[in-house]
Amino acid sequence: MASASNKFDYMVIWDDAMSLLQKYQSALFPIAAVFIFLPNLILGYFAPEPDTAEAQSLKEIVQIYGVYFNENLWLILPMTLVGIFGGLAVYHLLVRGNGRTIGEVLSGAAAIFIPYFLVSILSGFMVAAAALFFIIPAFYVAGRLYPLAAIVANKDHDGIIGAISKSWEMTKGRGWSIIFLVFVVAFVAVVASSVIMLLFGLMINLILGDSGKILLVALDSVFQAVLVILMSALGVSIYNQLKKIGN
């Protein structure tokens, strides 16, 4: 039987995540506003995702999105990169932000952006490769790699492959536990935001009609920023506990 100090405790992780959010709330707001909320707002208003409700097949959906990306890549690419940087800056703040200014956090995130970007791509390929063997292996691999962003943000690795190896080592025997926690938190957050969006959407459409589009896009962008912050805090808390309890 594992000792209490060696236990992967969901409540400890959640409490740590909430403590991190409270501790860094003054810096989280401006970083998220500029680098997560704003890019989503711009994309949502000027390049909203296409409606595929009338598509008759997967091929038609692919064609619709092909046209969408072809027409809007000039905006999608830079806004996506800004959003990725914003997520990294949030991670960097939560793992190394103690006593640092926002400028120092941003410069620190910029210094590790390329390795973070490359690690994200490589880990994405690993999850996609696992998905070829059905969805369950993909969930397991995602759980094993979930602390990866915190590892890179904390510079707790030796190169890109070293970061992946570090994550794989830290999560040994806990892949399913991690992905279960991540799934539950993300599911509750998405459902809650969807319900709020539905209620406010009905009110805004009823009162303002089409002129209320910008408000709906802004509200959706707020929820996306909140979700990024919440899941980042969860990732850092998982990483923190794994470091404490070891394997």
C-alpha atoms as a PDB file:
ATOM      1  CA  MET A   1       0.000   0.000   0.000  1.00  0.00           C
ATOM      2  CA  ALA A   2       1.302   3.457  -0.976  1.00  0.00           C
ATOM      3  CA  SER A   3       1.971   5.874   1.837  1.00  0.00           C
ATOM      4  CA  ALA A   4       0.020   9.107   2.067  1.00  0.00           C
ATOM      5  CA  SER A   5       3.066  11.050   0.876  1.00  0.00           C
ATOM      6  CA  ASN A   6       3.303   8.811  -2.209  1.00  0.00           C
ATOM      7  CA  LYS A   7      -0.376   9.081  -3.123  1.00  0.00           C
ATOM      8  CA  PHE A   8      -1.535  10.756  -6.321  1.00  0.00           C
ATOM      9  CA  ASP A   9      -4.207  12.837  -4.618  1.00  0.00           C
ATOM     10  CA  TYR A  10      -6.784  14.627  -6.768  1.00  0.00           C
ATOM     11  CA  MET A  11      -7.797  17.026  -4.004  1.00  0.00           C
ATOM     12  CA  VAL A  12      -4.198  18.035  -3.319  1.00  0.00           C
ATOM     13  CA  ILE A  13      -3.734  18.729  -7.028  1.00  0.00           C
ATOM     14  CA  TRP A  14      -6.953  20.736  -7.249  1.00  0.00           C
ATOM     15  CA  ASP A  15      -6.151  22.785  -4.136  1.00  0.00           C
ATOM     16  CA  ASP A  16      -2.663  23.500  -5.492  1.00  0.00           C
ATOM     17  CA  ALA A  17      -4.137  24.604  -8.827  1.00  0.00           C
ATOM     18  CA  MET A  18      -6.525  26.994  -7.098  1.00  0.00           C
ATOM     19  CA  SER A  19      -3.675  28.342  -4.956  1.00  0.00           C
ATOM     20  CA  LEU A  20      -1.582  28.994  -8.056  1.00  0.00           C
ATOM     21  CA  LEU A  21      -4.439  30.869  -9.727  1.00  0.00           C
ATOM     22  CA  GLN A  22      -4.970  32.994  -6.643  1.00  0.00           C
ATOM     23  CA  LYS A  23      -1.268  33.683  -6.197  1.00  0.00           C
ATOM     24  CA  TYR A  24      -0.678  34.834  -9.771  1.00  0.00           C
ATOM     25  CA  GLN A  25      -4.082  36.296 -10.613  1.00  0.00           C
ATOM     26  CA  SER A  26      -2.766  39.848 -11.054  1.00  0.00           C
ATOM     27  CA  ALA A  27      -0.337  38.712 -13.759  1.00  0.00           C
ATOM     28  CA  LEU A  28      -2.577  36.049 -15.308  1.00  0.00           C
ATOM     29  CA  PHE A  29      -5.242  38.566 -16.306  1.00  0.00           C
ATOM     30  CA  PRO A  30      -3.125  40.837 -18.555  1.00  0.00           C
ATOM     31  CA  ILE A  31      -1.214  37.913 -20.087  1.00  0.00           C
ATOM     32  CA  ALA A  32      -4.395  35.997 -20.875  1.00  0.00           C
ATOM     33  CA  ALA A  33      -6.175  39.123 -22.096  1.00  0.00           C
ATOM     34  CA  VAL A  34      -3.501  40.048 -24.630  1.00  0.00           C
ATOM     35  CA  PHE A  35      -2.177  36.665 -25.736  1.00  0.00           C
ATOM     36  CA  ILE A  36      -5.201  34.338 -25.428  1.00  0.00           C
ATOM     37  CA  PHE A  37      -8.436  36.329 -25.323  1.00  0.00           C
ATOM     38  CA  LEU A  38      -7.521  38.870 -28.011  1.00  0.00           C
ATOM     39  CA  PRO A  39      -6.329  36.363 -30.669  1.00  0.00           C
ATOM     40  CA  ASN A  40      -9.483  34.288 -30.145  1.00  0.00           C
ATOM     41  CA  LEU A  41     -11.618  37.416 -30.388  1.00  0.00           C
ATOM     42  CA  ILE A  42      -9.965  38.459 -33.652  1.00  0.00           C
ATOM     43  CA  LEU A  43     -10.299  34.985 -35.159  1.00  0.00           C
ATOM     44  CA  GLY A  44     -13.850  34.525 -33.957  1.00  0.00           C
ATOM     45  CA  TYR A  45     -14.983  37.831 -35.425  1.00  0.00           C
ATOM     46  CA  PHE A  46     -12.993  38.091 -38.660  1.00  0.00           C
ATOM     47  CA  ALA A  47     -12.557  34.393 -39.463  1.00  0.00           C
ATOM     48  CA  PRO A  48     -15.336  32.415 -37.750  1.00  0.00           C
ATOM     49  CA  GLU A  49     -15.332  28.676 -38.304  1.00  0.00           C
ATOM     50  CA  PRO A  50     -17.556  27.555 -41.202  1.00  0.00           C
ATOM     51  CA  ASP A  51     -20.990  26.026 -40.712  1.00  0.00           C
ATOM     52  CA  THR A  52     -20.919  22.327 -41.611  1.00  0.00           C
ATOM     53  CA  ALA A  53     -24.476  21.504 -40.535  1.00  0.00           C
ATOM     54  CA  GLU A  54     -25.608  20.892 -44.110  1.00  0.00           C
ATOM     55  CA  ALA A  55     -22.590  18.801 -45.107  1.00  0.00           C
ATOM     56  CA  GLN A  56     -23.634  15.347 -46.281  1.00  0.00           C
ATOM     57  CA  SER A  57     -20.351  13.518 -45.749  1.00  0.00           C
ATOM     58  CA  LEU A  58     -16.928  13.703 -44.137  1.00  0.00           C
ATOM     59  CA  LYS A  59     -15.499  14.559 -47.549  1.00  0.00           C
ATOM     60  CA  GLU A  60     -17.700  17.664 -47.773  1.00  0.00           C
ATOM     61  CA  ILE A  61     -16.670  18.759 -44.280  1.00  0.00           C
ATOM     62  CA  VAL A  62     -13.006  18.393 -45.239  1.00  0.00           C
ATOM     63  CA  GLN A  63     -13.618  20.420 -48.397  1.00  0.00           C
ATOM     64  CA  ILE A  64     -15.412  23.173 -46.449  1.00  0.00           C
ATOM     65  CA  TYR A  65     -12.556  23.454 -43.982  1.00  0.00           C
ATOM     66  CA  GLY A  66     -10.034  23.316 -46.797  1.00  0.00           C
ATOM     67  CA  VAL A  67     -11.592  26.407 -48.345  1.00  0.00           C
ATOM     68  CA  TYR A  68     -11.828  28.055 -44.924  1.00  0.00           C
ATOM     69  CA  PHE A  69      -8.134  27.551 -44.122  1.00  0.00           C
ATOM     70  CA  ASN A  70      -7.083  28.548 -47.633  1.00  0.00           C
ATOM     71  CA  GLU A  71      -8.959  31.851 -47.368  1.00  0.00           C
ATOM     72  CA  ASN A  72      -8.035  32.667 -43.773  1.00  0.00           C
ATOM     73  CA  LEU A  73      -4.572  31.198 -43.241  1.00  0.00           C
ATOM     74  CA  TRP A  74      -3.051  34.696 -43.287  1.00  0.00           C
ATOM     75  CA  LEU A  75      -4.967  35.418 -40.073  1.00  0.00           C
ATOM     76  CA  ILE A  76      -5.235  31.950 -38.525  1.00  0.00           C
ATOM     77  CA  LEU A  77      -1.473  31.302 -38.499  1.00  0.00           C
ATOM     78  CA  PRO A  78      -0.281  34.429 -36.637  1.00  0.00           C
ATOM     79  CA  MET A  79      -3.204  34.390 -34.193  1.00  0.00           C
ATOM     80  CA  THR A  80      -2.592  30.709 -33.453  1.00  0.00           C
ATOM     81  CA  LEU A  81       1.104  31.341 -32.798  1.00  0.00           C
ATOM     82  CA  VAL A  82       0.234  34.232 -30.486  1.00  0.00           C
ATOM     83  CA  GLY A  83      -2.222  31.969 -28.644  1.00  0.00           C
ATOM     84  CA  ILE A  84       0.402  29.228 -28.285  1.00  0.00           C
ATOM     85  CA  PHE A  85       2.829  31.774 -26.880  1.00  0.00           C
ATOM     86  CA  GLY A  86       0.127  32.943 -24.472  1.00  0.00           C
ATOM     87  CA  GLY A  87      -0.377  29.402 -23.210  1.00  0.00           C
ATOM     88  CA  LEU A  88       3.371  29.012 -22.729  1.00  0.00           C
ATOM     89  CA  ALA A  89       3.550  32.335 -20.884  1.00  0.00           C
ATOM     90  CA  VAL A  90       0.820  31.152 -18.519  1.00  0.00           C
ATOM     91  CA  TYR A  91       2.713  27.923 -17.843  1.00  0.00           C
ATOM     92  CA  HIS A  92       5.980  29.820 -17.383  1.00  0.00           C
ATOM     93  CA  LEU A  93       4.315  32.190 -14.920  1.00  0.00           C
ATOM     94  CA  LEU A  94       2.815  29.356 -12.888  1.00  0.00           C
ATOM     95  CA  VAL A  95       6.069  27.369 -12.595  1.00  0.00           C
ATOM     96  CA  ARG A  96       8.712  30.119 -12.485  1.00  0.00           C
ATOM     97  CA  GLY A  97       6.850  33.367 -11.852  1.00  0.00           C
ATOM     98  CA  ASN A  98       7.604  33.822  -8.171  1.00  0.00           C
ATOM     99  CA  GLY A  99       8.883  37.390  -7.720  1.00  0.00           C
ATOM    100  CA  ARG A 100       9.144  38.039 -11.470  1.00  0.00           C
ATOM    101  CA  THR A 101       7.542  40.870 -13.416  1.00  0.00           C
ATOM    102  CA  ILE A 102       5.208  40.272 -16.363  1.00  0.00           C
ATOM    103  CA  GLY A 103       7.963  41.461 -18.689  1.00  0.00           C
ATOM    104  CA  GLU A 104      10.387  38.912 -17.241  1.00  0.00           C
ATOM    105  CA  VAL A 105       7.807  36.158 -17.577  1.00  0.00           C
ATOM    106  CA  LEU A 106       7.155  37.062 -21.224  1.00  0.00           C
ATOM    107  CA  SER A 107      10.853  37.262 -22.074  1.00  0.00           C
ATOM    108  CA  GLY A 108      11.427  33.924 -20.352  1.00  0.00           C
ATOM    109  CA  ALA A 109       8.585  32.368 -22.347  1.00  0.00           C
ATOM    110  CA  ALA A 110       9.953  33.828 -25.582  1.00  0.00           C
ATOM    111  CA  ALA A 111      13.345  32.236 -24.890  1.00  0.00           C
ATOM    112  CA  ILE A 112      11.840  28.741 -24.797  1.00  0.00           C
ATOM    113  CA  PHE A 113       9.102  29.198 -27.406  1.00  0.00           C
ATOM    114  CA  ILE A 114      10.806  27.209 -30.173  1.00  0.00           C
ATOM    115  CA  PRO A 115      11.551  24.092 -28.062  1.00  0.00           C
ATOM    116  CA  TYR A 116       8.049  24.320 -26.589  1.00  0.00           C
ATOM    117  CA  PHE A 117       6.547  24.534 -30.079  1.00  0.00           C
ATOM    118  CA  LEU A 118       8.603  21.580 -31.330  1.00  0.00           C
ATOM    119  CA  VAL A 119       7.764  19.477 -28.272  1.00  0.00           C
ATOM    120  CA  SER A 120       4.064  20.271 -28.753  1.00  0.00           C
ATOM    121  CA  ILE A 121       4.218  19.101 -32.365  1.00  0.00           C
ATOM    122  CA  LEU A 122       6.122  15.916 -31.498  1.00  0.00           C
ATOM    123  CA  SER A 123       3.794  15.031 -28.621  1.00  0.00           C
ATOM    124  CA  GLY A 124       0.813  15.721 -30.876  1.00  0.00           C
ATOM    125  CA  PHE A 125       2.182  13.247 -33.400  1.00  0.00           C
ATOM    126  CA  MET A 126       2.631  10.687 -30.608  1.00  0.00           C
ATOM    127  CA  VAL A 127      -1.001  11.029 -29.522  1.00  0.00           C
ATOM    128  CA  ALA A 128      -2.169  10.903 -33.149  1.00  0.00           C
ATOM    129  CA  ALA A 129      -0.086   7.781 -33.758  1.00  0.00           C
ATOM    130  CA  ALA A 130      -1.657   6.158 -30.697  1.00  0.00           C
ATOM    131  CA  ALA A 131      -5.099   7.099 -32.044  1.00  0.00           C
ATOM    132  CA  LEU A 132      -4.413   4.916 -35.084  1.00  0.00           C
ATOM    133  CA  PHE A 133      -4.731   1.999 -32.669  1.00  0.00           C
ATOM    134  CA  PHE A 134      -8.147   3.283 -31.500  1.00  0.00           C
ATOM    135  CA  ILE A 135      -8.940   6.156 -29.165  1.00  0.00           C
ATOM    136  CA  ILE A 136      -8.132   4.476 -25.823  1.00  0.00           C
ATOM    137  CA  PRO A 137      -4.349   4.275 -26.406  1.00  0.00           C
ATOM    138  CA  ALA A 138      -4.425   7.942 -27.436  1.00  0.00           C
ATOM    139  CA  PHE A 139      -5.969   8.914 -24.094  1.00  0.00           C
ATOM    140  CA  TYR A 140      -3.287   6.940 -22.272  1.00  0.00           C
ATOM    141  CA  VAL A 141      -0.447   8.600 -24.192  1.00  0.00           C
ATOM    142  CA  ALA A 142      -2.044  12.022 -23.609  1.00  0.00           C
ATOM    143  CA  GLY A 143      -2.075  11.305 -19.873  1.00  0.00           C
ATOM    144  CA  ARG A 144       1.586  10.295 -19.906  1.00  0.00           C
ATOM    145  CA  LEU A 145       2.515  13.505 -21.739  1.00  0.00           C
ATOM    146  CA  TYR A 146       0.265  15.951 -19.869  1.00  0.00           C
ATOM    147  CA  PRO A 147       3.034  17.375 -17.614  1.00  0.00           C
ATOM    148  CA  LEU A 148       5.162  18.030 -20.705  1.00  0.00           C
ATOM    149  CA  ALA A 149       4.295  21.738 -21.003  1.00  0.00           C
ATOM    150  CA  ALA A 150       5.184  22.344 -17.347  1.00  0.00           C
ATOM    151  CA  ILE A 151       8.463  20.444 -17.776  1.00  0.00           C
ATOM    152  CA  VAL A 152       9.469  22.618 -20.727  1.00  0.00           C
ATOM    153  CA  ALA A 153       8.262  25.834 -19.064  1.00  0.00           C
ATOM    154  CA  ASN A 154      10.340  25.002 -16.000  1.00  0.00           C
ATOM    155  CA  LYS A 155      13.372  24.024 -18.137  1.00  0.00           C
ATOM    156  CA  ASP A 156      13.349  20.722 -16.248  1.00  0.00           C
ATOM    157  CA  HIS A 157      14.719  18.662 -19.139  1.00  0.00           C
ATOM    158  CA  ASP A 158      17.658  17.983 -21.402  1.00  0.00           C
ATOM    159  CA  GLY A 159      16.493  18.747 -24.939  1.00  0.00           C
ATOM    160  CA  ILE A 160      13.235  17.933 -26.711  1.00  0.00           C
ATOM    161  CA  ILE A 161      13.567  14.161 -26.443  1.00  0.00           C
ATOM    162  CA  GLY A 162      14.725  14.606 -22.865  1.00  0.00           C
ATOM    163  CA  ALA A 163      11.533  16.509 -22.026  1.00  0.00           C
ATOM    164  CA  ILE A 164       9.356  13.731 -23.423  1.00  0.00           C
ATOM    165  CA  SER A 165      11.410  11.106 -21.598  1.00  0.00           C
ATOM    166  CA  LYS A 166      11.079  13.109 -18.376  1.00  0.00           C
ATOM    167  CA  SER A 167       7.293  13.269 -18.732  1.00  0.00           C
ATOM    168  CA  TRP A 168       7.102   9.556 -19.517  1.00  0.00           C
ATOM    169  CA  GLU A 169       9.240   8.757 -16.470  1.00  0.00           C
ATOM    170  CA  MET A 170       7.310  11.027 -14.098  1.00  0.00           C
ATOM    171  CA  THR A 171       3.914   9.634 -15.088  1.00  0.00           C
ATOM    172  CA  LYS A 172       4.871   5.962 -14.913  1.00  0.00           C
ATOM    173  CA  GLY A 173       1.932   4.018 -13.512  1.00  0.00           C
ATOM    174  CA  ARG A 174      -0.283   7.122 -13.408  1.00  0.00           C
ATOM    175  CA  GLY A 175      -1.264   7.748 -17.042  1.00  0.00           C
ATOM    176  CA  TRP A 176      -4.899   6.749 -16.574  1.00  0.00           C
ATOM    177  CA  SER A 177      -5.209   8.618 -13.258  1.00  0.00           C
ATOM    178  CA  ILE A 178      -3.942  11.808 -14.900  1.00  0.00           C
ATOM    179  CA  ILE A 179      -6.138  11.659 -17.978  1.00  0.00           C
ATOM    180  CA  PHE A 180      -9.212  10.861 -15.857  1.00  0.00           C
ATOM    181  CA  LEU A 181      -8.652  13.986 -13.752  1.00  0.00           C
ATOM    182  CA  VAL A 182      -7.971  16.113 -16.835  1.00  0.00           C
ATOM    183  CA  PHE A 183     -11.086  14.770 -18.575  1.00  0.00           C
ATOM    184  CA  VAL A 184     -13.366  15.423 -15.597  1.00  0.00           C
ATOM    185  CA  VAL A 185     -12.138  18.992 -15.075  1.00  0.00           C
ATOM    186  CA  ALA A 186     -12.263  19.822 -18.796  1.00  0.00           C
ATOM    187  CA  PHE A 187     -15.708  18.224 -19.196  1.00  0.00           C
ATOM    188  CA  VAL A 188     -17.225  20.169 -16.301  1.00  0.00           C
ATOM    189  CA  ALA A 189     -15.646  23.425 -17.492  1.00  0.00           C
ATOM    190  CA  VAL A 190     -16.823  22.959 -21.093  1.00  0.00           C
ATOM    191  CA  VAL A 191     -20.365  22.000 -20.074  1.00  0.00           C
ATOM    192  CA  ALA A 192     -20.627  24.952 -17.691  1.00  0.00           C
ATOM    193  CA  SER A 193     -19.348  27.405 -20.306  1.00  0.00           C
ATOM    194  CA  SER A 194     -21.645  25.919 -22.965  1.00  0.00           C
ATOM    195  CA  VAL A 195     -24.709  26.369 -20.751  1.00  0.00           C
ATOM    196  CA  ILE A 196     -23.751  29.971 -19.969  1.00  0.00           C
ATOM    197  CA  MET A 197     -23.064  30.661 -23.657  1.00  0.00           C
ATOM    198  CA  LEU A 198     -26.462  29.230 -24.585  1.00  0.00           C
ATOM    199  CA  LEU A 199     -28.335  31.335 -22.034  1.00  0.00           C
ATOM    200  CA  PHE A 200     -26.477  34.562 -22.808  1.00  0.00           C
ATOM    201  CA  GLY A 201     -26.650  33.810 -26.518  1.00  0.00           C
ATOM    202  CA  LEU A 202     -30.422  33.598 -26.399  1.00  0.00           C
ATOM    203  CA  MET A 203     -30.641  36.860 -24.460  1.00  0.00           C
ATOM    204  CA  ILE A 204     -28.225  38.711 -26.742  1.00  0.00           C
ATOM    205  CA  ASN A 205     -29.908  37.463 -29.919  1.00  0.00           C
ATOM    206  CA  LEU A 206     -33.303  38.386 -28.533  1.00  0.00           C
ATOM    207  CA  ILE A 207     -32.255  41.897 -27.538  1.00  0.00           C
ATOM    208  CA  LEU A 208     -29.618  42.844 -30.119  1.00  0.00           C
ATOM    209  CA  GLY A 209     -30.077  40.385 -32.976  1.00  0.00           C
ATOM    210  CA  ASP A 210     -27.172  40.179 -35.433  1.00  0.00           C
ATOM    211  CA  SER A 211     -25.573  43.309 -33.963  1.00  0.00           C
ATOM    212  CA  GLY A 212     -24.766  41.315 -30.820  1.00  0.00           C
ATOM    213  CA  LYS A 213     -22.322  39.032 -32.649  1.00  0.00           C
ATOM    214  CA  ILE A 214     -19.259  40.736 -31.209  1.00  0.00           C
ATOM    215  CA  LEU A 215     -20.564  40.179 -27.671  1.00  0.00           C
ATOM    216  CA  LEU A 216     -21.059  36.462 -28.321  1.00  0.00           C
ATOM    217  CA  VAL A 217     -17.585  36.161 -29.821  1.00  0.00           C
ATOM    218  CA  ALA A 218     -16.107  38.074 -26.870  1.00  0.00           C
ATOM    219  CA  LEU A 219     -17.887  35.847 -24.354  1.00  0.00           C
ATOM    220  CA  ASP A 220     -16.693  32.721 -26.138  1.00  0.00           C
ATOM    221  CA  SER A 221     -13.145  34.117 -26.171  1.00  0.00           C
ATOM    222  CA  VAL A 222     -13.336  34.743 -22.425  1.00  0.00           C
ATOM    223  CA  PHE A 223     -14.323  31.137 -21.806  1.00  0.00           C
ATOM    224  CA  GLN A 224     -11.497  29.876 -24.034  1.00  0.00           C
ATOM    225  CA  ALA A 225      -8.999  31.981 -22.087  1.00  0.00           C
ATOM    226  CA  VAL A 226     -10.377  30.749 -18.760  1.00  0.00           C
ATOM    227  CA  LEU A 227     -10.158  27.144 -19.955  1.00  0.00           C
ATOM    228  CA  VAL A 228      -6.510  27.583 -21.006  1.00  0.00           C
ATOM    229  CA  ILE A 229      -5.646  29.091 -17.615  1.00  0.00           C
ATOM    230  CA  LEU A 230      -7.530  26.414 -15.686  1.00  0.00           C
ATOM    231  CA  MET A 231      -6.018  23.481 -17.578  1.00  0.00           C
ATOM    232  CA  SER A 232      -2.544  25.041 -17.369  1.00  0.00           C
ATOM    233  CA  ALA A 233      -2.855  25.396 -13.600  1.00  0.00           C
ATOM    234  CA  LEU A 234      -3.998  21.791 -13.443  1.00  0.00           C
ATOM    235  CA  GLY A 235      -1.001  20.689 -15.527  1.00  0.00           C
ATOM    236  CA  VAL A 236       1.440  22.557 -13.307  1.00  0.00           C
ATOM    237  CA  SER A 237      -0.175  21.117 -10.164  1.00  0.00           C
ATOM    238  CA  ILE A 238       0.066  17.585 -11.565  1.00  0.00           C
ATOM    239  CA  TYR A 239       3.717  18.250 -12.382  1.00  0.00           C
ATOM    240  CA  ASN A 240       4.343  19.633  -8.887  1.00  0.00           C
ATOM    241  CA  GLN A 241       2.847  16.610  -7.174  1.00  0.00           C
ATOM    242  CA  LEU A 242       4.646  14.145  -9.412  1.00  0.00           C
ATOM    243  CA  LYS A 243       7.935  15.845  -8.509  1.00  0.00           C
ATOM    244  CA  LYS A 244       7.111  15.514  -4.799  1.00  0.00           C
ATOM    245  CA  ILE A 245       5.995  11.900  -4.729  1.00  0.00           C
ATOM    246  CA  GLY A 246       8.367  10.498  -7.366  1.00  0.00           C
ATOM    247  CA  ASN A 247       7.673   7.159  -8.948  1.00  0.00           C
END
